[in-house]
Amino acid sequence: MSLKGGPVRCELMATYADRFPVSLLPTHHLIFEAMKKNMGTVDRVLRVGAAVLVLVLYLAGQITGAAALILGIVAVVFVLTSAVGSCPLYLPMGWSTRREA
């Protein structure tokens, strides 16, 4: 992760870096970094496959109630992150399943 934002940001980082993890410091540029593609093709296909499986199980009546609601929400998140190609939860951990060209 690069330090962006000019001298004020760099001073802030230097002042608080020893007391707080970088993820807790003001990091407006992380919003843009979160939108960087960090999901590979296999990751995206597996997520869509899991979402389709949840849909099939729901339509077959195998999951109902709270389980259906929770799994439905997770399935929607999987489809959306697969469509965008970016998983915001990967960012703080520095993960990426995307191959670098």
C-alpha atoms as a PDB file:
ATOM      1  CA  MET A   1       0.000   0.000   0.000  1.00  0.00           C
ATOM      2  CA  SER A   2       1.433   3.333  -0.959  1.00  0.00           C
ATOM      3  CA  LEU A   3       1.219   6.533   1.036  1.00  0.00           C
ATOM      4  CA  LYS A   4      -0.870   9.024  -0.890  1.00  0.00           C
ATOM      5  CA  GLY A   5      -2.350  12.345   0.005  1.00  0.00           C
ATOM      6  CA  GLY A   6       0.559  14.724   0.381  1.00  0.00           C
ATOM      7  CA  PRO A   7       2.602  15.973   3.368  1.00  0.00           C
ATOM      8  CA  VAL A   8      -0.281  16.246   5.849  1.00  0.00           C
ATOM      9  CA  ARG A   9      -1.201  12.612   5.344  1.00  0.00           C
ATOM     10  CA  CYS A  10       2.429  11.528   5.612  1.00  0.00           C
ATOM     11  CA  GLU A  11       2.820  13.443   8.892  1.00  0.00           C
ATOM     12  CA  LEU A  12      -0.350  11.853  10.227  1.00  0.00           C
ATOM     13  CA  MET A  13       0.902   8.417   9.250  1.00  0.00           C
ATOM     14  CA  ALA A  14       4.278   9.039  10.887  1.00  0.00           C
ATOM     15  CA  THR A  15       2.668  10.423  14.067  1.00  0.00           C
ATOM     16  CA  TYR A  16       0.229   7.581  14.643  1.00  0.00           C
ATOM     17  CA  ALA A  17       1.812   4.631  12.854  1.00  0.00           C
ATOM     18  CA  ASP A  18       3.434   3.336  16.037  1.00  0.00           C
ATOM     19  CA  ARG A  19       0.118   3.416  17.964  1.00  0.00           C
ATOM     20  CA  PHE A  20      -2.480   2.298  15.428  1.00  0.00           C
ATOM     21  CA  PRO A  21      -2.523  -0.246  12.643  1.00  0.00           C
ATOM     22  CA  VAL A  22      -2.567   1.367   9.232  1.00  0.00           C
ATOM     23  CA  SER A  23      -6.128   0.093   8.676  1.00  0.00           C
ATOM     24  CA  LEU A  24      -7.399   2.326  11.521  1.00  0.00           C
ATOM     25  CA  LEU A  25      -5.840   5.541  10.217  1.00  0.00           C
ATOM     26  CA  PRO A  26      -7.827   7.908   7.988  1.00  0.00           C
ATOM     27  CA  THR A  27      -7.533   6.248   4.615  1.00  0.00           C
ATOM     28  CA  HIS A  28      -9.871   7.801   2.082  1.00  0.00           C
ATOM     29  CA  HIS A  29      -7.898   6.270  -0.757  1.00  0.00           C
ATOM     30  CA  LEU A  30      -8.772   2.766   0.469  1.00  0.00           C
ATOM     31  CA  ILE A  31     -12.205   3.191  -1.087  1.00  0.00           C
ATOM     32  CA  PHE A  32     -10.561   3.313  -4.493  1.00  0.00           C
ATOM     33  CA  GLU A  33      -8.166   0.498  -3.648  1.00  0.00           C
ATOM     34  CA  ALA A  34     -11.138  -1.623  -2.565  1.00  0.00           C
ATOM     35  CA  MET A  35     -12.494  -1.391  -6.081  1.00  0.00           C
ATOM     36  CA  LYS A  36      -9.307  -2.805  -7.585  1.00  0.00           C
ATOM     37  CA  LYS A  37      -9.903  -6.221  -9.019  1.00  0.00           C
ATOM     38  CA  ASN A  38      -8.573  -8.781  -6.573  1.00  0.00           C
ATOM     39  CA  MET A  39     -10.569 -11.877  -7.523  1.00  0.00           C
ATOM     40  CA  GLY A  40      -9.354 -14.445  -9.998  1.00  0.00           C
ATOM     41  CA  THR A  41     -11.503 -16.370 -12.440  1.00  0.00           C
ATOM     42  CA  VAL A  42     -11.637 -19.531 -10.322  1.00  0.00           C
ATOM     43  CA  ASP A  43     -12.683 -17.523  -7.252  1.00  0.00           C
ATOM     44  CA  ARG A  44     -15.441 -15.791  -9.211  1.00  0.00           C
ATOM     45  CA  VAL A  45     -16.734 -19.021 -10.761  1.00  0.00           C
ATOM     46  CA  LEU A  46     -16.814 -20.790  -7.378  1.00  0.00           C
ATOM     47  CA  ARG A  47     -18.764 -17.913  -5.829  1.00  0.00           C
ATOM     48  CA  VAL A  48     -21.346 -17.892  -8.611  1.00  0.00           C
ATOM     49  CA  GLY A  49     -21.562 -21.685  -8.350  1.00  0.00           C
ATOM     50  CA  ALA A  50     -22.216 -21.440  -4.618  1.00  0.00           C
ATOM     51  CA  ALA A  51     -24.913 -18.827  -5.255  1.00  0.00           C
ATOM     52  CA  VAL A  52     -26.580 -21.047  -7.854  1.00  0.00           C
ATOM     53  CA  LEU A  53     -26.445 -23.985  -5.431  1.00  0.00           C
ATOM     54  CA  VAL A  54     -28.195 -21.885  -2.763  1.00  0.00           C
ATOM     55  CA  LEU A  55     -30.859 -20.904  -5.293  1.00  0.00           C
ATOM     56  CA  VAL A  56     -31.428 -24.525  -6.348  1.00  0.00           C
ATOM     57  CA  LEU A  57     -31.649 -25.694  -2.722  1.00  0.00           C
ATOM     58  CA  TYR A  58     -34.116 -22.922  -1.938  1.00  0.00           C
ATOM     59  CA  LEU A  59     -36.304 -23.682  -4.957  1.00  0.00           C
ATOM     60  CA  ALA A  60     -36.231 -27.398  -4.079  1.00  0.00           C
ATOM     61  CA  GLY A  61     -37.420 -26.581  -0.559  1.00  0.00           C
ATOM     62  CA  GLN A  62     -34.263 -27.912   1.086  1.00  0.00           C
ATOM     63  CA  ILE A  63     -33.508 -24.671   2.906  1.00  0.00           C
ATOM     64  CA  THR A  64     -36.155 -22.501   4.533  1.00  0.00           C
ATOM     65  CA  GLY A  65     -36.586 -19.845   7.186  1.00  0.00           C
ATOM     66  CA  ALA A  66     -33.588 -18.071   8.673  1.00  0.00           C
ATOM     67  CA  ALA A  67     -31.113 -20.355   6.909  1.00  0.00           C
ATOM     68  CA  ALA A  68     -32.650 -19.487   3.536  1.00  0.00           C
ATOM     69  CA  LEU A  69     -32.515 -15.774   4.346  1.00  0.00           C
ATOM     70  CA  ILE A  70     -28.900 -15.821   5.513  1.00  0.00           C
ATOM     71  CA  LEU A  71     -27.712 -18.024   2.650  1.00  0.00           C
ATOM     72  CA  GLY A  72     -29.699 -15.884   0.203  1.00  0.00           C
ATOM     73  CA  ILE A  73     -27.942 -12.740   1.405  1.00  0.00           C
ATOM     74  CA  VAL A  74     -24.544 -14.445   1.168  1.00  0.00           C
ATOM     75  CA  ALA A  75     -25.427 -15.658  -2.341  1.00  0.00           C
ATOM     76  CA  VAL A  76     -26.343 -12.138  -3.461  1.00  0.00           C
ATOM     77  CA  VAL A  77     -23.058 -10.796  -2.048  1.00  0.00           C
ATOM     78  CA  PHE A  78     -21.169 -13.579  -3.856  1.00  0.00           C
ATOM     79  CA  VAL A  79     -22.830 -12.708  -7.170  1.00  0.00           C
ATOM     80  CA  LEU A  80     -22.201  -8.972  -6.750  1.00  0.00           C
ATOM     81  CA  THR A  81     -18.531  -9.380  -5.797  1.00  0.00           C
ATOM     82  CA  SER A  82     -18.055 -11.818  -8.673  1.00  0.00           C
ATOM     83  CA  ALA A  83     -19.630  -9.374 -11.122  1.00  0.00           C
ATOM     84  CA  VAL A  84     -17.406  -6.525  -9.928  1.00  0.00           C
ATOM     85  CA  GLY A  85     -14.321  -8.739  -9.563  1.00  0.00           C
ATOM     86  CA  SER A  86     -13.416  -7.222  -6.221  1.00  0.00           C
ATOM     87  CA  CYS A  87     -13.926  -8.518  -2.694  1.00  0.00           C
ATOM     88  CA  PRO A  88     -13.698  -5.754  -0.053  1.00  0.00           C
ATOM     89  CA  LEU A  89     -12.876  -8.306   2.666  1.00  0.00           C
ATOM     90  CA  TYR A  90      -9.675  -9.253   0.847  1.00  0.00           C
ATOM     91  CA  LEU A  91      -8.308  -5.695   1.105  1.00  0.00           C
ATOM     92  CA  PRO A  92      -7.433  -5.499   4.839  1.00  0.00           C
ATOM     93  CA  MET A  93      -5.748  -8.896   4.641  1.00  0.00           C
ATOM     94  CA  GLY A  94      -3.895  -8.046   1.449  1.00  0.00           C
ATOM     95  CA  TRP A  95      -5.300 -11.093  -0.338  1.00  0.00           C
ATOM     96  CA  SER A  96      -5.740 -11.441  -4.051  1.00  0.00           C
ATOM     97  CA  THR A  97      -6.687 -14.513  -6.042  1.00  0.00           C
ATOM     98  CA  ARG A  98      -6.129 -12.683  -9.312  1.00  0.00           C
ATOM     99  CA  ARG A  99      -3.114 -13.559 -11.396  1.00  0.00           C
ATOM    100  CA  GLU A 100      -0.844 -10.663 -12.157  1.00  0.00           C
ATOM    101  CA  ALA A 101      -0.186 -10.376 -15.884  1.00  0.00           C
END
